[in-house]
Structure formats: C-alpha cells, structure tokens
Amino acid sequence: MRDLCLNFAEHYFRRHEGYSSRRLDRRYVHSQIRLCRMIRAEDHEFFTCCAFTACATSVVVGLSSGEVRVYSSRSQNDYATHQCYRCPVSYLKTSKNGSLLLTSNLSTSPVSKLWNIEWNEFSRQSNFFRQEYVEFSKLDEDKVLGTSGSRATIYDILSERPITTFIPSIANRCQRNKATFSPCNEIILSDGVLWDARSRDEIHKFDLENQPLSGVFHPNGYEIVSNTTVFDIRTLRVLRTVPELEEATVAFSPQNVIFGVSHIEGISTLRTLDSYDYSYISSTDRMLRCIADFSVNKYGHQLVSVENFGICSWYFDSTVRIYDVGKPPLEYIA
C-alpha cells in the first residue's frame, strides 16, 4: 500500500513520464501510415472522390461513370453499386447515423442529391438543383448547405425546401468555394465571407483575392483555416501563417491532427500537422500521382485516398488506397 499513489495529479502525470508526452505520442503516431488495401478501377473508368461510412468499416467511392460504390475497408468485399449520375461524381459524404448520403456531380448543370442508403440500398430522397457542393449541418444534420458559385443556400431536409440564401455584396470569387457551417451551426463561411446563420447578416469579409479556397472552420470553433492563413474569428484578424498548407485541401482528425493535400507542379503531397499549434509532423509525396480526394474516418485511425496517374483527365491507373494511421510502411519493418 505504500507504493500506491493517493494524489490524483501525481498519479496522472507519473503515467506520462514527462512534459507534453501526450503531444509527442500523438506526433509520433501520426508520422507514419501503412497501406492496408488498394482497389484498382477498370480500364474504362477512374475514381473521383471518396468518404468513409459512419461505421468506419466501409468506404463510399465515386467514379467517372457516375456510379457510387461501397467497399469494405478491410476485406475484399464489395457491398453495393448504384448509378447516381451519367457524369463524374465530384463529392460525397455520409451522415453521422449512416442512413443518408450526399452526392454532387461535375456538369454544366450540376445537381446535388440526397440519398437514403440503409442496408446498402440507394433510394433518392431530394434533389438540389444548380448546387455544386453540399454538406450536412454540423450538429443535428437536419439541414443541408449548398454552394453555387459565391452563393450559399440552406435547405431543410424534411421539407426539401430552401430556407435562406446568402449572397455577398462583394464576392471574393474563390475558384473552389465550398460553403460550410461552423461547429455550432451559428456561423456560415462562404467565399471568404462570414454570415450569421440565424439573422442572415453579413458579419465580415476576409480578403481572399486570387485564392482558390474559401476556408474551413477549425473544430475548436475559434479559427478559420484558409489556404496558408489562419484567422481568429473573435478578432477577425490573422492569427498565423502556415506555409505547409498552401493550396491544400484540409481535413481534421478527431485525434487533434490536420491532414492537408496539395497538388503543385504535378506532385501531390499529403502533409500532417498538429492542430493545436499547426506545427509540422510529416509529409508524403506521391510523385507523378494525383491525390484527387481523401477522407479520415471518425476515429482517426484510417485514411482513404483516390490516387490517379495520367495526363489531365486521361488516367492510365486509378486506385483507391486505404491506409492505417500509426503503422510504419511494410518496407521499413525489419
């Protein structure tokens, strides 16, 4: 009994054996990934986008043919296939309960759709015409936020009707604008403009001239990551600059890590950063291979990516690759 630590603080910190050991553990774990499954497309088609299902045991993949397929993330099982469009699928996302799926397409007249996918059977529930990108609201997922150029529109899922449309007085005209909710659903970011989702008032316009990306909210709800710039929502000023995120598509892991994918001068790079201070952890270059899309599962222990090899839109080899986070590549194992 003498060796038993009765002081909780002493017992808690003794387990970690040092200052910032949890942070160092997190950095070490996320410095390496191992390929656990690869799916290759057939000769006449290529993969375009990907996402994990809510249960994190399957991945949903979009194809150039307009099909959406569901694959197991571990075994060789293929669960479902459905023809959603007659043109390439550009985006897809499942709801938290796994029953709904949002899809978008690449077309001169884009149509985003909401599907019911219970038991891996697709049934269309709603159409969102002229919406290039759609996402669920962050808390209750009872609404859908659509993007059409610089315009953002909130739709009610049950009534399938638009509730509010946000049109900026002066647009930044970001090339890849994707309107998004804040973690609490109270604020909307679209084309570099902050909106109050309830009062419909324009809060602030960030100067994002000539930037391709509008930005995303940090899960802490106080910061916005837009290209290499991090803004503080409370002061509406630049908090810091992160050069590693130049032209990067960003995804936050629940393990307090940022994954960013950029494609510059023909080289796609996957970078990992600490979401607390944006410090660099690791990077992986996919030479001559384009990372078209990627996603992190809800636990943060797996990563899926669409990787294409070819010229422009003619791909000679298209694969979906599923990685285990925290495991070293097989070639490094003695």
Protein backbone atom coordinates (compact mmCIF):
# COMPACT_ATOMS: atom_id res chain seq x y z
CA MET A 1 0.00 0.00 0.00
CA ARG A 2 2.96 2.33 0.48
CA ASP A 3 3.63 2.36 -3.29
CA LEU A 4 0.03 3.31 -4.09
CA CYS A 5 -0.23 6.93 -5.21
CA LEU A 6 -3.13 8.64 -3.42
CA ASN A 7 -2.60 12.02 -5.11
CA PHE A 8 -4.55 12.04 -8.39
CA ALA A 9 -2.38 14.68 -10.08
CA GLU A 10 0.80 12.82 -9.20
CA HIS A 11 -0.68 9.53 -10.40
CA TYR A 12 -1.92 11.10 -13.65
CA PHE A 13 1.37 12.73 -14.61
CA ARG A 14 3.51 9.81 -13.50
CA ARG A 15 1.85 7.73 -16.20
CA HIS A 16 3.08 10.07 -18.95
CA GLU A 17 6.62 10.43 -17.63
CA GLY A 18 7.36 13.89 -18.86
CA TYR A 19 6.08 17.22 -20.10
CA SER A 20 3.97 17.13 -23.30
CA SER A 21 4.34 13.36 -23.62
CA ARG A 22 0.78 13.01 -24.93
CA ARG A 23 1.50 15.54 -27.64
CA LEU A 24 4.73 13.78 -28.54
CA ASP A 25 2.92 10.43 -28.66
CA ARG A 26 0.33 11.92 -31.00
CA ARG A 27 3.03 13.33 -33.26
CA TYR A 28 4.87 10.01 -33.37
CA VAL A 29 1.73 8.00 -34.16
CA HIS A 30 0.70 10.33 -36.99
CA SER A 31 4.15 10.45 -38.55
CA GLN A 32 3.63 7.14 -40.35
CA ILE A 33 0.94 5.37 -42.37
CA ARG A 34 0.71 1.88 -43.85
CA LEU A 35 -1.24 0.78 -46.92
CA CYS A 36 -3.75 -1.91 -45.91
CA ARG A 37 -5.94 -2.17 -49.03
CA MET A 38 -5.82 -0.99 -52.63
CA ILE A 39 -8.73 -1.05 -55.10
CA ARG A 40 -7.97 -0.56 -58.80
CA ALA A 41 -10.51 0.86 -61.26
CA GLU A 42 -11.38 -0.87 -64.51
CA ASP A 43 -9.78 0.30 -67.76
CA HIS A 44 -12.70 2.40 -68.99
CA GLU A 45 -13.23 4.42 -65.77
CA PHE A 46 -11.45 6.15 -62.91
CA PHE A 47 -12.20 7.05 -59.30
CA THR A 48 -13.06 10.67 -58.48
CA CYS A 49 -13.93 11.00 -54.77
CA CYS A 50 -14.19 9.02 -51.54
CA ALA A 51 -15.54 9.05 -47.98
CA PHE A 52 -15.85 6.71 -45.02
CA THR A 53 -19.24 5.43 -43.90
CA ALA A 54 -20.49 6.26 -40.40
CA CYS A 55 -19.47 2.85 -39.04
CA ALA A 56 -15.92 3.35 -40.42
CA THR A 57 -15.85 -0.23 -41.74
CA SER A 58 -16.63 0.73 -45.35
CA VAL A 59 -15.70 3.41 -47.87
CA VAL A 60 -18.01 5.07 -50.40
CA VAL A 61 -16.35 5.88 -53.73
CA GLY A 62 -17.48 7.96 -56.71
CA LEU A 63 -16.49 7.16 -60.29
CA SER A 64 -16.16 8.96 -63.61
CA SER A 65 -19.06 6.88 -64.93
CA GLY A 66 -21.43 8.41 -62.36
CA GLU A 67 -21.54 5.26 -60.25
CA VAL A 68 -21.17 5.18 -56.48
CA ARG A 69 -19.74 2.03 -54.92
CA VAL A 70 -19.39 0.84 -51.33
CA TYR A 71 -16.30 -1.22 -50.46
CA SER A 72 -15.12 -2.84 -47.24
CA SER A 73 -12.17 -1.01 -45.70
CA ARG A 74 -10.56 -4.27 -44.56
CA SER A 75 -11.68 -7.27 -46.60
CA GLN A 76 -12.14 -7.72 -50.35
CA ASN A 77 -15.93 -7.47 -50.06
CA ASP A 78 -17.88 -5.06 -52.27
CA TYR A 79 -21.21 -4.17 -50.71
CA ALA A 80 -23.18 -2.05 -53.19
CA THR A 81 -23.17 -0.23 -56.53
CA HIS A 82 -25.60 2.42 -57.77
CA GLN A 83 -25.76 4.61 -60.88
CA CYS A 84 -26.28 8.10 -59.39
CA TYR A 85 -25.36 10.23 -62.44
CA ARG A 86 -24.40 9.99 -66.09
CA CYS A 87 -21.36 12.19 -65.50
CA PRO A 88 -18.49 12.05 -62.95
CA VAL A 89 -19.30 12.19 -59.25
CA SER A 90 -17.39 15.10 -57.70
CA TYR A 91 -18.22 14.77 -54.00
CA LEU A 92 -19.93 12.50 -51.48
CA LYS A 93 -20.48 12.48 -47.72
CA THR A 94 -22.41 10.19 -45.37
CA SER A 95 -24.42 11.36 -42.37
CA LYS A 96 -23.35 10.56 -38.81
CA ASN A 97 -26.01 7.87 -38.39
CA GLY A 98 -25.07 6.28 -41.72
CA SER A 99 -28.55 6.38 -43.24
CA LEU A 100 -28.07 9.34 -45.62
CA LEU A 101 -25.60 10.16 -48.37
CA LEU A 102 -24.96 13.47 -50.14
CA THR A 103 -23.54 13.45 -53.68
CA SER A 104 -22.55 16.11 -56.21
CA ASN A 105 -21.59 15.85 -59.87
CA LEU A 106 -19.39 17.54 -62.47
CA SER A 107 -21.68 19.04 -65.08
CA THR A 108 -22.61 22.32 -66.77
CA SER A 109 -25.92 21.98 -64.89
CA PRO A 110 -24.84 20.49 -61.54
CA VAL A 111 -27.33 18.62 -59.39
CA SER A 112 -26.55 17.54 -55.84
CA LYS A 113 -28.64 14.74 -54.39
CA LEU A 114 -29.60 13.29 -51.02
CA TRP A 115 -29.88 9.50 -50.84
CA ASN A 116 -31.17 7.05 -48.29
CA ILE A 117 -28.60 4.23 -48.12
CA GLU A 118 -29.86 2.00 -45.33
CA TRP A 119 -28.86 -1.66 -45.80
CA ASN A 120 -26.62 -0.55 -48.70
CA GLU A 121 -29.63 0.08 -50.94
CA PHE A 122 -29.86 3.50 -52.60
CA SER A 123 -33.12 5.44 -52.82
CA ARG A 124 -33.14 9.10 -53.84
CA GLN A 125 -34.70 11.45 -51.29
CA SER A 126 -34.01 15.00 -52.56
CA ASN A 127 -32.53 16.96 -55.46
CA PHE A 128 -30.65 20.25 -55.02
CA PHE A 129 -30.52 21.81 -58.47
CA ARG A 130 -27.60 24.04 -59.52
CA GLN A 131 -25.73 23.21 -56.31
CA GLU A 132 -22.08 22.36 -56.97
CA TYR A 133 -21.33 21.24 -53.42
CA VAL A 134 -23.47 20.30 -50.42
CA GLU A 135 -22.82 19.39 -46.80
CA PHE A 136 -24.83 18.48 -43.71
CA SER A 137 -25.25 20.88 -40.79
CA LYS A 138 -22.73 20.00 -38.10
CA LEU A 139 -24.91 19.31 -35.05
CA ASP A 140 -28.32 17.82 -35.85
CA GLU A 141 -27.79 17.19 -39.59
CA ASP A 142 -31.37 18.32 -40.20
CA LYS A 143 -30.26 20.85 -42.82
CA VAL A 144 -28.13 20.88 -45.96
CA LEU A 145 -25.91 23.78 -47.03
CA GLY A 146 -25.46 24.12 -50.79
CA THR A 147 -22.90 26.10 -52.80
CA SER A 148 -23.47 27.68 -56.22
CA GLY A 149 -20.60 29.97 -57.17
CA SER A 150 -20.42 32.67 -54.47
CA ARG A 151 -23.96 31.92 -53.30
CA ALA A 152 -24.83 29.66 -50.34
CA THR A 153 -28.28 28.22 -49.60
CA ILE A 154 -29.62 26.38 -46.56
CA TYR A 155 -32.18 23.63 -47.25
CA ASP A 156 -34.44 21.85 -44.79
CA ILE A 157 -34.10 18.08 -45.22
CA LEU A 158 -37.66 17.21 -44.19
CA SER A 159 -39.48 19.77 -46.34
CA GLU A 160 -36.80 19.70 -49.09
CA ARG A 161 -37.21 23.47 -49.46
CA PRO A 162 -34.66 26.31 -49.31
CA ILE A 163 -34.71 28.27 -46.05
CA THR A 164 -32.16 31.03 -46.56
CA THR A 165 -29.85 32.20 -49.34
CA PHE A 166 -26.65 34.15 -48.67
CA ILE A 167 -25.34 36.40 -51.47
CA PRO A 168 -22.25 38.53 -50.69
CA SER A 169 -22.32 42.21 -51.60
CA ILE A 170 -18.71 41.95 -52.80
CA ALA A 171 -17.55 38.45 -53.71
CA ASN A 172 -14.02 37.06 -53.46
CA ARG A 173 -14.86 34.61 -56.29
CA CYS A 174 -12.79 31.75 -54.90
CA GLN A 175 -12.31 29.14 -57.62
CA ARG A 176 -13.22 26.23 -55.34
CA ASN A 177 -15.68 27.83 -52.96
CA LYS A 178 -17.36 25.39 -50.58
CA ALA A 179 -19.80 26.94 -48.13
CA THR A 180 -19.54 25.39 -44.68
CA PHE A 181 -21.16 25.56 -41.25
CA SER A 182 -19.22 26.37 -38.08
CA PRO A 183 -19.11 23.54 -35.49
CA CYS A 184 -22.08 25.11 -33.64
CA ASN A 185 -24.09 25.85 -36.85
CA GLU A 186 -24.39 29.53 -35.88
CA ILE A 187 -21.97 30.90 -38.50
CA ILE A 188 -21.52 30.17 -42.20
CA LEU A 189 -18.35 30.71 -44.22
CA SER A 190 -18.83 31.07 -47.97
CA ASP A 191 -16.45 32.65 -50.49
CA GLY A 192 -14.44 34.17 -47.65
CA VAL A 193 -17.49 35.88 -46.11
CA LEU A 194 -18.78 35.15 -42.60
CA TRP A 195 -22.55 35.08 -42.15
CA ASP A 196 -24.82 34.84 -39.13
CA ALA A 197 -26.92 31.79 -39.97
CA ARG A 198 -29.87 32.95 -37.85
CA SER A 199 -30.11 36.68 -38.58
CA ARG A 200 -28.76 36.30 -42.16
CA ASP A 201 -26.45 39.27 -41.56
CA GLU A 202 -23.05 39.56 -43.20
CA ILE A 203 -20.51 39.60 -40.35
CA HIS A 204 -17.19 40.09 -42.10
CA LYS A 205 -15.46 39.66 -45.45
CA PHE A 206 -11.91 38.31 -45.45
CA ASP A 207 -9.60 39.50 -48.21
CA LEU A 208 -9.01 36.28 -50.19
CA GLU A 209 -8.27 37.80 -53.58
CA ASN A 210 -6.80 35.29 -56.07
CA GLN A 211 -7.09 32.44 -53.56
CA PRO A 212 -8.59 29.16 -54.80
CA LEU A 213 -10.04 28.04 -51.45
CA SER A 214 -12.54 29.79 -49.20
CA GLY A 215 -11.54 28.02 -45.99
CA VAL A 216 -12.79 25.69 -43.27
CA PHE A 217 -13.57 26.05 -39.59
CA HIS A 218 -11.22 24.59 -37.01
CA PRO A 219 -13.08 22.12 -34.73
CA ASN A 220 -12.37 24.43 -31.78
CA GLY A 221 -14.80 26.92 -33.36
CA TYR A 222 -12.48 29.90 -32.93
CA GLU A 223 -10.31 29.70 -36.02
CA ILE A 224 -10.64 29.54 -39.81
CA VAL A 225 -8.01 27.88 -41.98
CA SER A 226 -7.93 29.46 -45.45
CA ASN A 227 -5.03 28.39 -47.65
CA THR A 228 -1.87 29.37 -45.72
CA THR A 229 -3.67 31.82 -43.42
CA VAL A 230 -5.31 31.11 -40.07
CA PHE A 231 -7.88 33.72 -38.95
CA ASP A 232 -9.13 34.26 -35.41
CA ILE A 233 -12.94 34.56 -35.51
CA ARG A 234 -13.03 36.52 -32.25
CA THR A 235 -10.81 39.33 -33.53
CA LEU A 236 -11.29 38.76 -37.30
CA ARG A 237 -7.54 39.13 -37.70
CA VAL A 238 -4.75 36.92 -38.99
CA LEU A 239 -3.59 34.60 -36.22
CA ARG A 240 -0.71 32.91 -38.02
CA THR A 241 0.57 31.78 -41.41
CA VAL A 242 1.15 28.10 -42.25
CA PRO A 243 3.20 27.70 -45.47
CA GLU A 244 2.73 23.91 -45.43
CA LEU A 245 -0.98 24.35 -46.23
CA GLU A 246 -0.51 26.25 -49.50
CA GLU A 247 -3.41 25.33 -51.83
CA ALA A 248 -4.14 22.35 -49.58
CA THR A 249 -7.48 20.65 -49.07
CA VAL A 250 -7.75 20.26 -45.30
CA ALA A 251 -9.37 17.58 -43.11
CA PHE A 252 -9.30 17.46 -39.32
CA SER A 253 -8.79 14.18 -37.49
CA PRO A 254 -10.55 13.58 -34.15
CA GLN A 255 -7.06 12.90 -32.78
CA ASN A 256 -6.25 16.65 -32.97
CA VAL A 257 -4.29 16.37 -36.19
CA ILE A 258 -4.65 18.18 -39.53
CA PHE A 259 -4.26 16.34 -42.83
CA GLY A 260 -3.67 18.55 -45.86
CA VAL A 261 -3.36 17.50 -49.50
CA SER A 262 -1.93 19.87 -52.11
CA HIS A 263 -1.17 19.32 -55.80
CA ILE A 264 1.54 21.68 -57.07
CA GLU A 265 3.61 21.30 -60.25
CA GLY A 266 2.43 17.76 -60.86
CA ILE A 267 3.28 16.46 -57.38
CA SER A 268 0.62 15.63 -54.78
CA THR A 269 1.73 15.91 -51.17
CA LEU A 270 -0.03 14.68 -48.03
CA ARG A 271 1.07 16.70 -45.01
CA THR A 272 0.28 16.11 -41.35
CA LEU A 273 0.24 18.95 -38.81
CA ASP A 274 -0.59 19.34 -35.14
CA SER A 275 -3.98 21.07 -34.88
CA TYR A 276 -3.02 22.81 -31.62
CA ASP A 277 -0.14 24.92 -32.93
CA TYR A 278 -0.03 23.96 -36.65
CA SER A 279 3.47 22.56 -36.24
CA TYR A 280 4.72 20.21 -38.93
CA ILE A 281 4.63 16.44 -38.24
CA SER A 282 5.30 14.63 -41.52
CA SER A 283 4.70 14.61 -45.28
CA THR A 284 4.32 12.01 -48.02
CA ASP A 285 4.93 12.85 -51.69
CA ARG A 286 3.02 10.91 -54.35
CA MET A 287 5.35 11.50 -57.31
CA LEU A 288 3.53 11.75 -60.68
CA ARG A 289 0.31 10.64 -58.99
CA CYS A 290 -2.61 12.97 -58.31
CA ILE A 291 -4.47 12.67 -55.00
CA ALA A 292 -7.94 13.58 -56.25
CA ASP A 293 -9.66 13.24 -52.87
CA PHE A 294 -9.11 11.88 -49.36
CA SER A 295 -11.02 11.33 -46.14
CA VAL A 296 -10.36 10.41 -42.50
CA ASN A 297 -12.67 8.08 -40.57
CA LYS A 298 -14.43 9.21 -37.41
CA TYR A 299 -11.89 7.50 -35.15
CA GLY A 300 -8.87 8.95 -36.93
CA HIS A 301 -7.10 5.61 -37.34
CA GLN A 302 -7.69 5.15 -41.09
CA LEU A 303 -7.23 7.34 -44.15
CA VAL A 304 -8.65 6.73 -47.63
CA SER A 305 -7.46 8.46 -50.80
CA VAL A 306 -8.21 8.46 -54.52
CA GLU A 307 -4.90 8.43 -56.40
CA ASN A 308 -4.79 8.75 -60.19
CA PHE A 309 -1.87 8.51 -62.59
CA GLY A 310 -2.14 10.06 -66.05
CA ILE A 311 -2.38 13.27 -68.05
CA CYS A 312 -5.20 15.80 -67.47
CA SER A 313 -8.39 13.73 -67.27
CA TRP A 314 -6.92 10.68 -69.05
CA TYR A 315 -5.78 8.36 -66.29
CA PHE A 316 -3.82 5.20 -67.02
CA ASP A 317 -4.10 3.93 -63.48
CA SER A 318 -6.73 4.86 -60.88
CA THR A 319 -6.75 3.45 -57.37
CA VAL A 320 -8.46 3.84 -54.02
CA ARG A 321 -5.94 3.34 -51.23
CA ILE A 322 -6.82 2.76 -47.59
CA TYR A 323 -4.10 3.44 -45.02
CA ASP A 324 -3.74 2.58 -41.34
CA VAL A 325 -2.55 5.58 -39.34
CA GLY A 326 0.24 4.94 -36.84
CA LYS A 327 1.68 1.86 -38.52
CA PRO A 328 5.04 2.04 -40.34
CA PRO A 329 5.17 1.07 -44.04
CA LEU A 330 5.93 -2.60 -44.56
CA GLU A 331 9.25 -1.89 -46.27
CA TYR A 332 10.51 -0.27 -43.05
CA ILE A 333 9.73 -3.28 -40.88
CA ALA A 334 12.81 -5.39 -40.18
